[in-house]
Amino acid sequence: MRYVIKRVYEPASDDDGFRVLVDRVWPRGVSKEKAHLDLWAKDIAPSTELRKWYGHVPERFGEFARRYREELGANPEALAEARSWGEEHDRVTLLYGAHDGETSQAAVLRDLLASPPVE
């Protein structure tokens, strides 16, 4: 798989490929050196309003994912840039700070980027 997700608190690996932080807010307790980022893509992250509404409440994830995809659809430049990462690199690791990756924006973004663009 070209796009994978990983918690930014986990150690960097040679297998990570191109490492992109997809959080709007810098993760607590992680230095820029320890993060080993290639890019911090704040513009692809959910809006502050959506992030605060969601609050990582599992029951809200479905609605969060729908709203986040809607935000991404309204931000074609950021989405096009994110798609270009996969064209330029064999593997793209989307980094996030949340405790549960499968209910994070990184999972929504991974799934969106792994699917063909809608024309």
N, C-alpha and C. Protein backbone atom coordinates (compact mmCIF):
# COMPACT_ATOMS: atom_id res chain seq x y z
N MET A 1 0.84 -1.18 0.00
CA MET A 1 0.00 0.00 0.00
C MET A 1 0.89 1.24 0.00
N ARG A 2 0.55 2.17 -0.82
CA ARG A 2 1.33 3.39 -0.97
C ARG A 2 1.16 4.34 0.21
N TYR A 3 -0.06 4.45 0.73
CA TYR A 3 -0.35 5.35 1.85
C TYR A 3 -0.59 4.53 3.11
N VAL A 4 0.15 4.86 4.17
CA VAL A 4 -0.03 4.20 5.46
C VAL A 4 -0.14 5.27 6.53
N ILE A 5 -0.69 4.89 7.66
CA ILE A 5 -0.78 5.83 8.77
C ILE A 5 0.07 5.33 9.93
N LYS A 6 0.54 6.28 10.71
CA LYS A 6 1.41 5.94 11.84
C LYS A 6 1.33 7.06 12.87
N ARG A 7 1.33 6.69 14.11
CA ARG A 7 1.31 7.68 15.18
C ARG A 7 2.67 8.37 15.23
N VAL A 8 2.66 9.68 15.30
CA VAL A 8 3.90 10.46 15.27
C VAL A 8 4.80 10.14 16.46
N TYR A 9 4.23 9.59 17.52
CA TYR A 9 5.01 9.24 18.71
C TYR A 9 5.81 7.95 18.54
N GLU A 10 5.50 7.17 17.50
CA GLU A 10 6.25 5.95 17.23
C GLU A 10 7.57 6.32 16.56
N PRO A 11 8.62 5.54 16.78
CA PRO A 11 9.92 5.85 16.15
C PRO A 11 9.83 5.82 14.62
N ALA A 12 10.59 6.70 14.00
CA ALA A 12 10.69 6.71 12.54
C ALA A 12 11.38 5.44 12.08
N SER A 13 11.03 5.01 10.87
CA SER A 13 11.60 3.80 10.31
C SER A 13 12.02 4.07 8.86
N ASP A 14 13.01 3.36 8.39
CA ASP A 14 13.42 3.49 7.00
C ASP A 14 12.28 3.10 6.05
N ASP A 15 11.38 2.26 6.52
CA ASP A 15 10.24 1.82 5.70
C ASP A 15 9.15 2.87 5.56
N ASP A 16 9.25 3.95 6.31
CA ASP A 16 8.19 4.97 6.30
C ASP A 16 8.10 5.73 4.98
N GLY A 17 9.19 5.83 4.27
CA GLY A 17 9.17 6.62 3.05
C GLY A 17 9.02 8.11 3.36
N PHE A 18 8.15 8.77 2.62
CA PHE A 18 7.89 10.20 2.78
C PHE A 18 6.96 10.40 3.98
N ARG A 19 7.45 11.12 5.00
CA ARG A 19 6.71 11.28 6.26
C ARG A 19 6.03 12.65 6.31
N VAL A 20 4.69 12.62 6.45
CA VAL A 20 3.90 13.85 6.45
C VAL A 20 3.02 13.90 7.69
N LEU A 21 3.18 14.96 8.48
CA LEU A 21 2.28 15.19 9.62
C LEU A 21 1.01 15.83 9.09
N VAL A 22 -0.15 15.20 9.37
CA VAL A 22 -1.42 15.70 8.85
C VAL A 22 -2.30 16.25 9.96
N ASP A 23 -1.69 16.74 11.02
CA ASP A 23 -2.39 17.42 12.11
C ASP A 23 -2.22 18.92 11.95
N ARG A 24 -3.24 19.68 12.32
CA ARG A 24 -3.16 21.14 12.27
C ARG A 24 -2.33 21.67 13.44
N VAL A 25 -2.36 20.95 14.56
CA VAL A 25 -1.67 21.36 15.78
C VAL A 25 -0.46 20.44 15.99
N TRP A 26 0.68 21.04 16.34
CA TRP A 26 1.88 20.24 16.58
C TRP A 26 1.65 19.32 17.78
N PRO A 27 2.02 18.03 17.69
CA PRO A 27 1.81 17.09 18.79
C PRO A 27 2.68 17.41 20.01
N ARG A 28 2.07 17.32 21.16
CA ARG A 28 2.77 17.63 22.42
C ARG A 28 3.92 16.66 22.65
N GLY A 29 5.02 17.21 23.14
CA GLY A 29 6.13 16.38 23.58
C GLY A 29 6.99 15.79 22.48
N VAL A 30 6.76 16.19 21.23
CA VAL A 30 7.56 15.67 20.12
C VAL A 30 8.38 16.81 19.54
N SER A 31 9.69 16.66 19.55
CA SER A 31 10.54 17.68 18.95
C SER A 31 10.52 17.54 17.43
N LYS A 32 10.83 18.60 16.76
CA LYS A 32 10.87 18.54 15.28
C LYS A 32 11.92 17.53 14.82
N GLU A 33 13.03 17.41 15.57
CA GLU A 33 14.07 16.46 15.21
C GLU A 33 13.58 15.03 15.37
N LYS A 34 12.88 14.75 16.47
CA LYS A 34 12.41 13.40 16.75
C LYS A 34 11.30 12.98 15.77
N ALA A 35 10.55 13.93 15.27
CA ALA A 35 9.44 13.62 14.35
C ALA A 35 9.94 13.16 12.99
N HIS A 36 11.14 13.56 12.60
CA HIS A 36 11.71 13.17 11.30
C HIS A 36 10.73 13.41 10.15
N LEU A 37 10.19 14.61 10.10
CA LEU A 37 9.20 14.95 9.07
C LEU A 37 9.86 15.35 7.77
N ASP A 38 9.18 15.00 6.69
CA ASP A 38 9.52 15.57 5.39
C ASP A 38 8.62 16.77 5.12
N LEU A 39 7.43 16.77 5.75
CA LEU A 39 6.48 17.83 5.51
C LEU A 39 5.46 17.89 6.64
N TRP A 40 5.07 19.10 7.01
CA TRP A 40 3.95 19.30 7.93
C TRP A 40 2.85 19.92 7.11
N ALA A 41 1.83 19.16 6.79
CA ALA A 41 0.77 19.59 5.89
C ALA A 41 -0.45 20.06 6.69
N LYS A 42 -0.35 21.23 7.28
CA LYS A 42 -1.44 21.77 8.09
C LYS A 42 -2.70 22.01 7.26
N ASP A 43 -2.52 22.39 5.99
CA ASP A 43 -3.67 22.74 5.15
C ASP A 43 -4.56 21.54 4.81
N ILE A 44 -4.05 20.34 4.94
CA ILE A 44 -4.84 19.15 4.64
C ILE A 44 -5.59 18.65 5.87
N ALA A 45 -5.26 19.18 7.03
CA ALA A 45 -5.88 18.75 8.29
C ALA A 45 -7.31 19.29 8.39
N PRO A 46 -8.13 18.64 9.22
CA PRO A 46 -9.48 19.15 9.44
C PRO A 46 -9.44 20.56 10.05
N SER A 47 -10.49 21.31 9.80
CA SER A 47 -10.58 22.66 10.37
C SER A 47 -10.57 22.57 11.90
N THR A 48 -10.19 23.64 12.54
CA THR A 48 -10.19 23.69 14.00
C THR A 48 -11.60 23.41 14.52
N GLU A 49 -12.60 23.98 13.87
CA GLU A 49 -13.98 23.79 14.32
C GLU A 49 -14.38 22.32 14.26
N LEU A 50 -14.05 21.65 13.16
CA LEU A 50 -14.40 20.24 13.01
C LEU A 50 -13.62 19.39 14.02
N ARG A 51 -12.36 19.68 14.17
CA ARG A 51 -11.53 18.92 15.11
C ARG A 51 -12.08 19.04 16.54
N LYS A 52 -12.45 20.25 16.93
CA LYS A 52 -12.98 20.45 18.29
C LYS A 52 -14.34 19.77 18.44
N TRP A 53 -15.19 19.85 17.41
CA TRP A 53 -16.50 19.20 17.48
C TRP A 53 -16.33 17.69 17.67
N TYR A 54 -15.44 17.10 16.87
CA TYR A 54 -15.24 15.65 16.92
C TYR A 54 -14.72 15.22 18.29
N GLY A 55 -13.66 15.85 18.76
CA GLY A 55 -13.10 15.53 20.07
C GLY A 55 -12.72 14.07 20.25
N HIS A 56 -12.55 13.33 19.17
CA HIS A 56 -12.20 11.90 19.17
C HIS A 56 -13.22 11.06 19.95
N VAL A 57 -14.48 11.49 19.88
CA VAL A 57 -15.58 10.70 20.44
C VAL A 57 -15.93 9.64 19.39
N PRO A 58 -15.70 8.35 19.69
CA PRO A 58 -15.87 7.31 18.67
C PRO A 58 -17.23 7.32 17.97
N GLU A 59 -18.29 7.63 18.69
CA GLU A 59 -19.63 7.64 18.10
C GLU A 59 -19.78 8.73 17.03
N ARG A 60 -18.93 9.71 17.04
CA ARG A 60 -19.01 10.81 16.07
C ARG A 60 -18.14 10.56 14.83
N PHE A 61 -17.39 9.46 14.81
CA PHE A 61 -16.42 9.27 13.74
C PHE A 61 -17.05 9.27 12.35
N GLY A 62 -18.15 8.57 12.17
CA GLY A 62 -18.79 8.52 10.85
C GLY A 62 -19.15 9.90 10.34
N GLU A 63 -19.73 10.70 11.19
CA GLU A 63 -20.09 12.06 10.79
C GLU A 63 -18.84 12.92 10.61
N PHE A 64 -17.84 12.72 11.47
CA PHE A 64 -16.57 13.43 11.33
C PHE A 64 -15.95 13.13 9.97
N ALA A 65 -15.90 11.85 9.61
CA ALA A 65 -15.30 11.45 8.33
C ALA A 65 -16.05 12.09 7.17
N ARG A 66 -17.38 12.11 7.23
CA ARG A 66 -18.17 12.72 6.16
C ARG A 66 -17.86 14.21 6.05
N ARG A 67 -17.84 14.90 7.18
CA ARG A 67 -17.57 16.34 7.17
C ARG A 67 -16.14 16.65 6.71
N TYR A 68 -15.21 15.81 7.13
CA TYR A 68 -13.81 16.02 6.74
C TYR A 68 -13.65 15.83 5.23
N ARG A 69 -14.26 14.78 4.68
CA ARG A 69 -14.21 14.59 3.22
C ARG A 69 -14.84 15.78 2.50
N GLU A 70 -15.89 16.33 3.07
CA GLU A 70 -16.52 17.52 2.50
C GLU A 70 -15.54 18.70 2.51
N GLU A 71 -14.84 18.89 3.63
CA GLU A 71 -13.83 19.94 3.70
C GLU A 71 -12.74 19.73 2.66
N LEU A 72 -12.29 18.50 2.51
CA LEU A 72 -11.25 18.20 1.53
C LEU A 72 -11.73 18.49 0.11
N GLY A 73 -12.99 18.19 -0.16
CA GLY A 73 -13.56 18.47 -1.47
C GLY A 73 -13.60 19.96 -1.78
N ALA A 74 -13.70 20.77 -0.73
CA ALA A 74 -13.72 22.22 -0.89
C ALA A 74 -12.31 22.81 -0.91
N ASN A 75 -11.30 21.96 -0.80
CA ASN A 75 -9.90 22.40 -0.76
C ASN A 75 -9.11 21.61 -1.83
N PRO A 76 -9.46 21.80 -3.12
CA PRO A 76 -8.85 20.96 -4.17
C PRO A 76 -7.34 21.12 -4.28
N GLU A 77 -6.80 22.29 -3.96
CA GLU A 77 -5.35 22.48 -4.06
C GLU A 77 -4.62 21.59 -3.06
N ALA A 78 -5.09 21.58 -1.80
CA ALA A 78 -4.43 20.75 -0.79
C ALA A 78 -4.58 19.27 -1.12
N LEU A 79 -5.75 18.88 -1.62
CA LEU A 79 -5.97 17.49 -1.97
C LEU A 79 -5.09 17.07 -3.16
N ALA A 80 -4.95 17.95 -4.13
CA ALA A 80 -4.08 17.67 -5.28
C ALA A 80 -2.63 17.52 -4.83
N GLU A 81 -2.21 18.38 -3.90
CA GLU A 81 -0.85 18.28 -3.38
C GLU A 81 -0.65 16.94 -2.67
N ALA A 82 -1.64 16.54 -1.88
CA ALA A 82 -1.54 15.27 -1.17
C ALA A 82 -1.47 14.10 -2.15
N ARG A 83 -2.23 14.16 -3.21
CA ARG A 83 -2.18 13.09 -4.22
C ARG A 83 -0.79 13.06 -4.89
N SER A 84 -0.18 14.21 -5.03
CA SER A 84 1.15 14.26 -5.67
C SER A 84 2.21 13.56 -4.83
N TRP A 85 2.03 13.52 -3.51
CA TRP A 85 3.01 12.82 -2.68
C TRP A 85 3.12 11.36 -3.12
N GLY A 86 1.98 10.74 -3.40
CA GLY A 86 1.97 9.34 -3.81
C GLY A 86 2.52 9.14 -5.21
N GLU A 87 2.46 10.17 -6.03
CA GLU A 87 3.03 10.08 -7.37
C GLU A 87 4.55 10.22 -7.33
N GLU A 88 5.05 10.95 -6.34
CA GLU A 88 6.48 11.23 -6.24
C GLU A 88 7.23 10.23 -5.35
N HIS A 89 6.50 9.51 -4.51
CA HIS A 89 7.14 8.61 -3.54
C HIS A 89 6.46 7.25 -3.56
N ASP A 90 7.24 6.20 -3.38
CA ASP A 90 6.70 4.85 -3.36
C ASP A 90 5.83 4.60 -2.13
N ARG A 91 6.17 5.25 -1.03
CA ARG A 91 5.42 5.06 0.22
C ARG A 91 5.29 6.41 0.92
N VAL A 92 4.08 6.70 1.37
CA VAL A 92 3.80 7.94 2.09
C VAL A 92 3.21 7.55 3.45
N THR A 93 3.85 7.99 4.51
CA THR A 93 3.36 7.72 5.86
C THR A 93 2.69 8.99 6.37
N LEU A 94 1.39 8.89 6.61
CA LEU A 94 0.60 10.00 7.15
C LEU A 94 0.66 9.91 8.67
N LEU A 95 1.27 10.90 9.28
CA LEU A 95 1.49 10.90 10.73
C LEU A 95 0.39 11.68 11.43
N TYR A 96 -0.01 11.19 12.58
CA TYR A 96 -1.08 11.80 13.38
C TYR A 96 -0.70 11.70 14.86
N GLY A 97 -1.34 12.49 15.69
CA GLY A 97 -1.05 12.46 17.12
C GLY A 97 -2.09 11.76 17.96
N ALA A 98 -3.26 11.48 17.43
CA ALA A 98 -4.36 10.87 18.18
C ALA A 98 -3.96 9.48 18.69
N HIS A 99 -4.69 9.02 19.70
CA HIS A 99 -4.42 7.70 20.26
C HIS A 99 -4.85 6.58 19.32
N ASP A 100 -5.96 6.76 18.63
CA ASP A 100 -6.50 5.71 17.77
C ASP A 100 -6.44 6.15 16.31
N GLY A 101 -5.53 5.58 15.57
CA GLY A 101 -5.34 5.97 14.18
C GLY A 101 -6.52 5.68 13.29
N GLU A 102 -7.24 4.59 13.53
CA GLU A 102 -8.34 4.22 12.65
C GLU A 102 -9.56 5.11 12.81
N THR A 103 -9.57 5.95 13.85
CA THR A 103 -10.64 6.93 14.00
C THR A 103 -10.06 8.35 13.96
N SER A 104 -9.02 8.51 13.18
CA SER A 104 -8.36 9.82 13.04
C SER A 104 -8.53 10.33 11.61
N GLN A 105 -8.20 11.60 11.43
CA GLN A 105 -8.23 12.18 10.08
C GLN A 105 -7.24 11.48 9.17
N ALA A 106 -6.16 10.94 9.72
CA ALA A 106 -5.16 10.25 8.90
C ALA A 106 -5.78 9.04 8.20
N ALA A 107 -6.67 8.31 8.89
CA ALA A 107 -7.32 7.15 8.28
C ALA A 107 -8.27 7.59 7.16
N VAL A 108 -9.00 8.66 7.40
CA VAL A 108 -9.92 9.18 6.38
C VAL A 108 -9.12 9.61 5.16
N LEU A 109 -8.03 10.33 5.40
CA LEU A 109 -7.19 10.82 4.30
C LEU A 109 -6.53 9.65 3.55
N ARG A 110 -6.01 8.68 4.29
CA ARG A 110 -5.40 7.50 3.66
C ARG A 110 -6.39 6.82 2.71
N ASP A 111 -7.59 6.59 3.18
CA ASP A 111 -8.59 5.91 2.38
C ASP A 111 -8.97 6.74 1.15
N LEU A 112 -9.06 8.04 1.33
CA LEU A 112 -9.39 8.92 0.20
C LEU A 112 -8.27 8.93 -0.84
N LEU A 113 -7.03 9.03 -0.38
CA LEU A 113 -5.89 9.08 -1.31
C LEU A 113 -5.66 7.73 -2.00
N ALA A 114 -6.03 6.66 -1.34
CA ALA A 114 -5.84 5.34 -1.94
C ALA A 114 -6.88 5.02 -3.01
N SER A 115 -7.95 5.80 -3.04
CA SER A 115 -8.99 5.57 -4.05
C SER A 115 -8.76 6.51 -5.23
N PRO A 116 -9.23 6.13 -6.41
CA PRO A 116 -9.04 7.00 -7.59
C PRO A 116 -9.78 8.32 -7.42
N PRO A 117 -9.20 9.41 -7.93
CA PRO A 117 -9.89 10.70 -7.82
C PRO A 117 -11.22 10.68 -8.58
N VAL A 118 -12.18 11.38 -8.03
CA VAL A 118 -13.48 11.50 -8.69
C VAL A 118 -13.39 12.64 -9.68
N GLU A 119 -13.73 12.35 -10.92
CA GLU A 119 -13.66 13.37 -11.97
C GLU A 119 -14.90 14.23 -11.97
